[in-house]
Protein backbone atom coordinates (compact mmCIF):
# COMPACT_ATOMS: atom_id res chain seq x y z
CA MET A 1 16.60 -33.12 -12.65
CA GLY A 2 15.66 -33.18 -8.86
CA SER A 3 13.72 -30.87 -6.64
CA GLY A 4 16.82 -28.78 -5.99
CA LYS A 5 16.88 -27.53 -9.68
CA ARG A 6 13.10 -27.07 -9.62
CA SER A 7 13.58 -24.75 -6.60
CA LEU A 8 16.27 -22.81 -8.39
CA THR A 9 13.85 -22.42 -11.36
CA THR A 10 11.19 -21.32 -8.95
CA ALA A 11 13.46 -18.71 -7.51
CA ALA A 12 14.46 -17.38 -10.88
CA MET A 13 10.75 -17.20 -11.89
CA VAL A 14 9.85 -15.39 -8.70
CA LEU A 15 12.58 -12.84 -8.95
CA ALA A 16 11.75 -12.22 -12.60
CA CYS A 17 8.10 -11.79 -11.82
CA ALA A 18 8.75 -9.54 -8.84
CA CYS A 19 10.69 -7.15 -11.05
CA ALA A 20 8.29 -7.31 -14.08
CA VAL A 21 6.50 -4.20 -15.26
CA LEU A 22 3.28 -4.93 -17.14
CA SER A 23 2.38 -2.54 -19.92
CA ALA A 24 -0.24 -2.54 -22.62
CA PRO A 25 -0.03 -0.66 -25.93
CA GLY A 26 -2.71 1.87 -26.64
CA VAL A 27 -5.35 1.04 -29.19
CA ALA A 28 -5.54 3.16 -32.29
CA HIS A 29 -8.89 4.09 -33.75
CA ALA A 30 -9.45 5.22 -37.19
CA SER A 31 -11.13 8.59 -37.67
CA PRO A 32 -14.67 8.21 -38.84
CA THR A 33 -15.68 9.61 -42.24
CA PRO A 34 -17.07 13.16 -41.67
CA ALA A 35 -20.83 13.39 -42.13
CA PRO A 36 -22.32 16.27 -44.20
CA THR A 37 -22.86 19.25 -41.89
CA ARG A 38 -26.01 21.27 -41.41
CA THR A 39 -26.53 24.59 -39.97
CA PRO A 40 -28.25 24.04 -36.56
CA THR A 41 -31.33 25.80 -35.71
CA PRO A 42 -30.75 28.14 -32.81
CA THR A 43 -32.47 27.04 -29.52
CA PRO A 44 -33.04 29.23 -26.57
CA THR A 45 -30.95 28.43 -23.49
CA THR A 46 -31.88 29.08 -19.97
CA SER A 47 -29.57 29.31 -17.03
CA PRO A 48 -30.12 26.87 -14.12
CA THR A 49 -31.97 28.34 -11.23
CA GLY A 50 -30.50 28.64 -7.77
CA LYS A 51 -32.33 25.49 -6.83
CA ASP A 52 -30.89 23.69 -9.92
CA LEU A 53 -27.34 24.80 -9.02
CA GLU A 54 -27.78 23.51 -5.50
CA ALA A 55 -28.77 20.11 -6.93
CA ILE A 56 -25.69 20.25 -9.21
CA ARG A 57 -23.48 21.09 -6.15
CA LYS A 58 -24.82 18.05 -4.28
CA LYS A 59 -24.31 15.83 -7.36
CA LEU A 60 -20.75 17.01 -7.66
CA ASP A 61 -20.11 16.35 -3.97
CA ALA A 62 -21.45 12.81 -4.47
CA LEU A 63 -19.29 12.18 -7.54
CA TYR A 64 -16.09 13.46 -5.87
CA HIS A 65 -16.95 11.50 -2.69
CA ASP A 66 -17.24 8.35 -4.76
CA ALA A 67 -13.97 9.15 -6.46
CA ALA A 68 -12.37 9.58 -2.97
CA VAL A 69 -13.68 6.15 -1.83
CA ALA A 70 -12.18 4.62 -5.06
CA THR A 71 -8.98 6.45 -4.42
CA ASP A 72 -8.67 4.98 -0.93
CA ALA A 73 -9.23 1.48 -2.42
CA TYR A 74 -6.55 2.19 -5.01
CA ASN A 75 -4.02 3.42 -2.38
CA ALA A 76 -4.77 0.39 -0.14
CA ALA A 77 -4.25 -2.08 -3.09
CA GLU A 78 -1.03 -0.16 -3.98
CA GLU A 79 0.41 -0.50 -0.43
CA GLN A 80 -0.47 -4.20 -0.25
CA ALA A 81 1.06 -4.89 -3.72
CA LYS A 82 4.30 -3.15 -2.57
CA GLN A 83 4.45 -5.22 0.56
CA GLN A 84 3.70 -8.47 -1.27
CA SER A 85 6.32 -7.72 -3.92
CA ALA A 86 8.87 -7.19 -1.22
CA GLU A 87 7.88 -10.43 0.58
CA ILE A 88 8.18 -12.36 -2.74
CA VAL A 89 11.66 -10.93 -3.29
CA ASP A 90 12.61 -12.01 0.25
CA LEU A 91 11.26 -15.52 -0.27
CA ALA A 92 13.21 -15.74 -3.59
CA ARG A 93 16.42 -14.90 -1.78
CA GLU A 94 15.61 -17.54 0.81
CA ILE A 95 15.00 -20.09 -1.82
CA VAL A 96 18.41 -19.31 -3.46
CA LYS A 97 20.17 -19.45 -0.04
CA GLY A 98 18.36 -22.69 0.75
CA GLN A 99 19.42 -24.25 -2.55
CA ASP A 100 22.98 -23.28 -2.00
CA LYS A 101 22.87 -24.80 1.47
CA LEU A 102 21.34 -28.00 0.01
CA ASP A 103 24.02 -28.29 -2.63
CA GLU A 104 26.78 -27.94 0.03
CA LEU A 105 25.01 -30.57 2.27
CA LYS A 106 24.80 -32.98 -0.78
CA ASP A 107 28.59 -32.52 -1.42
CA ARG A 108 29.40 -33.27 2.19
CA ALA A 109 27.09 -36.29 2.24
CA GLY A 110 28.65 -37.56 -0.89
CA ALA A 111 32.16 -37.20 0.51
CA ALA A 112 31.16 -39.09 3.61
CA ALA A 113 29.65 -41.92 1.60
CA ARG A 114 32.73 -42.27 -0.49
CA ALA A 115 34.99 -42.40 2.66
CA GLN A 116 32.79 -45.10 4.08
CA TYR A 117 32.92 -46.93 0.85
CA ARG A 118 36.70 -46.77 0.84
CA GLY A 119 36.84 -48.11 4.35
CA GLY A 120 34.33 -51.00 3.69
CA GLY A 121 35.01 -54.45 2.40
CA LEU A 122 35.66 -57.11 5.10
CA PRO A 123 33.47 -57.56 8.05
CA PRO A 124 34.39 -55.79 11.20
CA GLU A 125 35.39 -58.89 13.14
CA MET A 126 37.79 -60.01 10.26
CA ARG A 127 39.46 -56.58 10.08
CA LEU A 128 39.96 -56.86 13.91
CA TRP A 129 41.61 -60.34 13.56
CA LEU A 130 43.94 -59.23 10.71
CA SER A 131 44.92 -55.91 12.36
CA ASP A 132 48.51 -55.60 13.61
CA ASN A 133 47.33 -53.18 16.30
CA PRO A 134 43.91 -54.12 17.65
CA GLN A 135 43.68 -50.95 19.81
CA GLN A 136 44.39 -48.78 16.82
CA TYR A 137 41.60 -50.55 14.90
CA LEU A 138 39.14 -50.12 17.81
CA ASP A 139 39.96 -46.35 17.96
CA GLY A 140 39.42 -46.16 14.25
CA ALA A 141 36.14 -48.06 14.55
CA GLY A 142 34.98 -45.55 17.14
CA ARG A 143 35.74 -42.75 14.64
CA VAL A 144 33.84 -44.55 11.95
CA LEU A 145 30.84 -44.86 14.32
CA GLN A 146 31.06 -41.11 15.03
CA GLY A 147 31.22 -40.50 11.34
CA GLU A 148 28.05 -42.54 10.81
CA HIS A 149 26.19 -40.51 13.40
CA ALA A 150 27.43 -37.40 11.71
CA THR A 151 26.27 -38.62 8.41
CA LYS A 152 22.83 -39.29 9.77
CA GLY A 153 22.65 -35.81 11.20
CA LEU A 154 23.75 -34.54 7.75
CA LEU A 155 20.97 -36.41 6.04
CA ALA A 156 18.46 -35.02 8.55
CA GLU A 157 19.62 -31.51 7.94
CA MET A 158 19.31 -32.06 4.13
CA THR A 159 15.76 -33.23 4.70
CA ARG A 160 14.88 -30.15 6.72
CA THR A 161 16.51 -27.85 4.14
CA GLN A 162 14.56 -29.50 1.31
CA GLN A 163 11.30 -29.07 3.30
CA ASP A 164 12.15 -25.40 3.92
CA LEU A 165 12.64 -24.92 0.14
CA GLU A 166 9.29 -26.46 -0.56
CA GLN A 167 7.52 -24.31 2.07
CA TYR A 168 9.29 -21.10 0.61
CA ALA A 169 8.07 -22.05 -2.91
CA LYS A 170 4.46 -22.53 -1.57
CA ASP A 171 4.55 -19.19 0.31
CA ALA A 172 6.04 -17.41 -2.77
CA SER A 173 3.19 -18.82 -4.92
CA ALA A 174 0.56 -17.68 -2.43
CA GLN A 175 2.03 -14.19 -2.20
CA TRP A 176 2.12 -14.04 -6.00
CA GLN A 177 -1.63 -14.82 -6.21
CA LYS A 178 -2.39 -12.06 -3.61
CA LEU A 179 -0.18 -9.60 -5.62
CA GLU A 180 -2.17 -10.33 -8.74
CA ALA A 181 -5.45 -9.94 -6.95
CA ASN A 182 -4.31 -6.55 -5.67
CA ARG A 183 -3.22 -5.55 -9.09
CA GLN A 184 -6.68 -6.32 -10.37
CA ALA A 185 -8.15 -4.37 -7.45
CA LYS A 186 -5.96 -1.39 -8.28
CA ALA A 187 -7.01 -1.48 -11.94
CA THR A 188 -10.79 -1.69 -10.99
CA ALA A 189 -10.34 1.26 -8.53
CA GLN A 190 -8.50 3.25 -11.08
CA LYS A 191 -11.32 2.89 -13.62
CA GLU A 192 -13.85 3.95 -10.97
CA ILE A 193 -11.83 7.02 -10.09
CA LYS A 194 -11.57 8.10 -13.68
CA LYS A 195 -15.28 7.39 -14.26
CA GLN A 196 -16.43 9.52 -11.33
CA ILE A 197 -13.99 12.43 -12.02
CA ALA A 198 -14.94 12.41 -15.69
CA ALA A 199 -18.60 12.49 -14.81
CA ALA A 200 -17.97 15.48 -12.42
CA GLU A 201 -15.88 17.31 -15.06
CA LYS A 202 -18.50 16.81 -17.70
CA LEU A 203 -21.25 18.17 -15.41
CA GLU A 204 -19.14 21.18 -14.62
CA SER A 205 -18.22 21.80 -18.29
CA GLN A 206 -21.93 22.20 -19.15
CA LEU A 207 -22.06 25.27 -16.97
CA GLU A 208 -21.56 28.90 -18.12
CA LYS A 209 -18.90 31.02 -16.50
CA LYS A 210 -21.44 32.94 -14.45
CA GLU A 211 -23.03 29.60 -13.34
CA LYS A 212 -19.64 28.25 -12.22
CA GLU A 213 -19.04 31.40 -10.26
CA ARG A 214 -22.45 30.98 -8.52
CA LEU A 215 -21.71 27.28 -7.97
CA ALA A 216 -18.41 28.18 -6.29
CA LYS A 217 -20.31 30.64 -4.12
CA LEU A 218 -22.81 27.97 -3.18
CA GLU A 219 -19.94 25.65 -2.15
CA GLU A 220 -18.39 28.29 0.04
CA GLU A 221 -21.72 29.10 1.64
CA ALA A 222 -22.37 25.36 2.34
CA ALA A 223 -18.85 25.00 3.98
CA TYR A 224 -19.34 28.21 5.97
CA LYS A 225 -22.70 27.11 7.22
CA ALA A 226 -21.34 23.73 8.36
CA GLN A 227 -18.39 25.44 9.99
CA THR A 228 -20.61 27.94 11.73
CA ALA A 229 -22.94 25.21 13.08
CA TRP A 230 -19.83 23.30 14.34
CA LEU A 231 -18.45 26.33 16.15
CA SER A 232 -21.79 27.30 17.53
CA SER A 233 -21.79 24.02 19.50
CA GLY A 234 -19.11 25.56 21.60
CA VAL A 235 -16.57 22.89 20.72
CA LEU A 236 -13.71 25.32 20.14
CA THR A 237 -13.90 26.63 23.74
CA GLU A 238 -13.28 23.06 24.86
CA ILE A 239 -10.33 22.50 22.55
CA SER A 240 -7.18 23.60 24.29
CA GLY A 241 -4.61 20.88 23.49
CA LYS A 242 -1.07 21.97 22.61
CA ALA A 243 0.80 20.30 19.74
CA SER A 244 3.53 17.84 20.53
CA GLU A 245 7.02 18.46 19.02
CA GLN A 246 6.30 15.89 16.32
CA GLY A 247 2.84 17.40 15.84
CA LYS A 248 4.40 20.81 15.18
CA LYS A 249 6.66 19.30 12.57
CA ALA A 250 3.68 17.56 10.92
CA VAL A 251 1.76 20.79 10.83
CA LYS A 252 4.62 22.65 9.39
CA PHE A 253 5.13 20.15 6.59
CA ALA A 254 1.48 20.09 5.75
CA THR A 255 1.12 23.83 5.66
CA ASP A 256 4.24 24.24 3.54
CA GLN A 257 2.34 22.27 0.83
CA ILE A 258 -0.52 24.79 0.54
CA GLY A 259 -1.16 25.70 -3.06
CA LYS A 260 0.01 22.31 -4.47
CA PRO A 261 -2.59 20.53 -6.61
CA TYR A 262 -4.70 17.54 -5.56
CA GLU A 263 -3.88 14.39 -7.51
CA TRP A 264 -5.42 10.98 -6.72
CA GLY A 265 -2.80 8.48 -5.60
CA ALA A 266 -0.08 11.15 -5.13
CA GLU A 267 2.17 11.41 -2.13
CA GLY A 268 4.20 14.46 -3.10
CA PRO A 269 6.37 16.20 -3.48
CA SER A 270 4.59 18.26 -6.13
CA SER A 271 0.95 17.03 -5.58
CA TYR A 272 -1.13 14.98 -3.05
CA ASP A 273 -4.37 13.33 -2.36
CA CYS A 274 -5.84 13.65 1.14
CA SER A 275 -4.18 10.74 2.90
CA GLY A 276 -1.00 11.24 0.86
CA LEU A 277 -0.66 14.65 2.53
CA THR A 278 -1.26 13.53 6.08
CA SER A 279 0.89 10.35 5.89
CA GLN A 280 3.82 12.25 4.30
CA ALA A 281 3.42 15.08 6.89
CA TRP A 282 3.79 12.58 9.83
CA ALA A 283 6.60 10.72 7.96
CA ALA A 284 8.41 14.08 7.75
CA ALA A 285 7.85 14.39 11.55
CA GLY A 286 9.58 11.06 12.01
CA HIS A 287 6.49 8.98 12.72
CA GLY A 288 5.16 6.66 9.99
CA ILE A 289 1.40 6.10 9.74
CA PRO A 290 -0.91 4.08 7.41
CA ARG A 291 -1.30 5.37 3.81
CA THR A 292 -5.09 5.57 3.55
CA SER A 293 -7.69 7.52 5.52
CA GLN A 294 -9.60 4.35 6.27
CA GLU A 295 -6.52 2.60 7.69
CA GLN A 296 -5.55 5.77 9.55
CA TRP A 297 -9.02 5.69 11.15
CA ARG A 298 -8.76 1.95 11.85
CA GLN A 299 -5.30 1.71 13.17
CA LEU A 300 -4.45 4.98 14.94
CA PRO A 301 -5.60 5.78 18.49
CA HIS A 302 -8.92 7.71 18.67
CA VAL A 303 -9.37 10.91 20.80
CA ASP A 304 -12.37 12.96 21.59
CA VAL A 305 -12.89 16.09 19.50
CA LYS A 306 -12.70 18.25 22.64
CA ASP A 307 -9.20 16.76 23.31
CA MET A 308 -7.94 17.50 19.88
CA ARG A 309 -4.62 19.21 19.36
CA PRO A 310 -2.67 20.47 16.29
CA GLY A 311 -1.25 17.57 14.28
CA ASP A 312 -4.14 15.29 15.03
CA LEU A 313 -6.05 13.90 12.04
CA ILE A 314 -9.74 14.49 11.48
CA ILE A 315 -11.55 11.72 9.63
CA TYR A 316 -14.60 12.69 7.62
CA PHE A 317 -17.75 10.86 6.36
CA ASP A 318 -19.24 7.66 7.59
CA ASP A 319 -16.94 5.66 5.39
CA ALA A 320 -13.72 7.38 6.43
CA SER A 321 -13.09 8.51 2.86
CA HIS A 322 -11.47 11.77 3.67
CA VAL A 323 -8.82 12.99 6.17
CA ALA A 324 -7.40 16.40 7.17
CA MET A 325 -4.90 17.71 9.68
CA TYR A 326 -6.03 19.90 12.49
CA ILE A 327 -3.85 23.02 12.80
CA GLY A 328 -5.66 24.84 15.68
CA ASP A 329 -8.27 27.55 16.07
CA GLY A 330 -10.91 25.42 14.48
CA ALA A 331 -9.03 25.05 11.12
CA ILE A 332 -7.64 22.18 9.10
CA VAL A 333 -5.17 21.83 6.23
CA HIS A 334 -6.12 19.28 3.54
CA ALA A 335 -6.05 18.25 -0.07
CA PRO A 336 -9.75 18.53 -0.96
CA ARG A 337 -10.48 16.89 -4.33
CA PRO A 338 -9.55 16.95 -8.03
CA GLY A 339 -9.31 20.40 -9.43
CA ARG A 340 -8.41 21.95 -6.08
CA THR A 341 -5.20 22.68 -4.20
CA VAL A 342 -3.95 22.00 -0.68
CA THR A 343 -5.76 24.63 1.46
CA ILE A 344 -6.89 25.73 4.88
CA THR A 345 -10.54 25.58 5.77
CA GLY A 346 -12.87 25.11 8.74
CA ALA A 347 -12.56 21.78 10.59
CA GLY A 348 -16.33 21.54 10.75
CA SER A 349 -17.03 22.18 7.03
CA MET A 350 -17.61 18.46 6.41
CA PRO A 351 -19.22 15.70 8.46
CA ILE A 352 -16.76 14.59 11.13
CA LEU A 353 -16.44 10.86 11.85
CA GLY A 354 -13.82 11.15 14.55
CA VAL A 355 -10.24 12.29 15.40
CA VAL A 356 -7.09 10.11 15.52
CA ARG A 357 -3.69 10.86 17.02
CA PRO A 358 -0.56 9.47 15.34
CA ASP A 359 1.74 10.07 18.27
CA ALA A 360 -0.59 9.15 21.13
């Protein structure tokens, strides 16, 4: 069994691995034996003060922010895994094509070798002496010489094809290792997302109905205060940019999604996360952009806030963990966080890192 068959085996394994879907069965736990119950002694409860609720609001913001960071990491790993899977499949196809070519070259080389063997035997000078037609012999000898040169070229092509196959196999192995690393990164990010969201939901579940209403009011007041401070800077009077044709299409798509729920890792059509909304809006406008808010910030052209126009993307927080679309008049449309829906709010309601323009 030569390296050719090994290459075929490699191709088969790569194709199989590229299409495999990993799954793990759930673990069943036996229900514990119920312990004897006792009537609890009533304890007085006190509602959190306004100061306590403000601390809870800040804690929730921190938890959901950490969930957003983990979501960006998950989305980045997901995109890289998709790309690497596609590259593995392409390499596998190249391996199969290369193996077919190598088999054809081997057949041609074998036929040439058999032809030379059949024409062999006596030394060239003896065949010339015995020939009835020396000129015919010499013409034939020239053709044999040409055949020998062709055979050498054939062998060289076989060597190059074999080297290509070996390189394809190495590249496929390297891509597979990267794919596995990104799968692990996705799993880690997924755990972190669930952990942060669960902590936030637990914290909120401990509040009474009136406390939740007061908390929602505090959130609205904090957003309003930030928006007012942003507008008070006079920035809105400086913003006069008009949307491009693609920008108008992106804004229409994004605003058409208002009311749909936030879901981490989602790209529509029934739910979105923040960068899922902006990337799909611009895809609908005919202009593809990176999937994550951090890559949108890193790869797309930056513009000054005063030069902002509808359709531009506003990146928030120092770590670029949130993104929204500017729609004009100091407002944005975005997918805020778990438990919320796509909505319109003030562009200055969160700390702005900067603005990027997909169709600059």
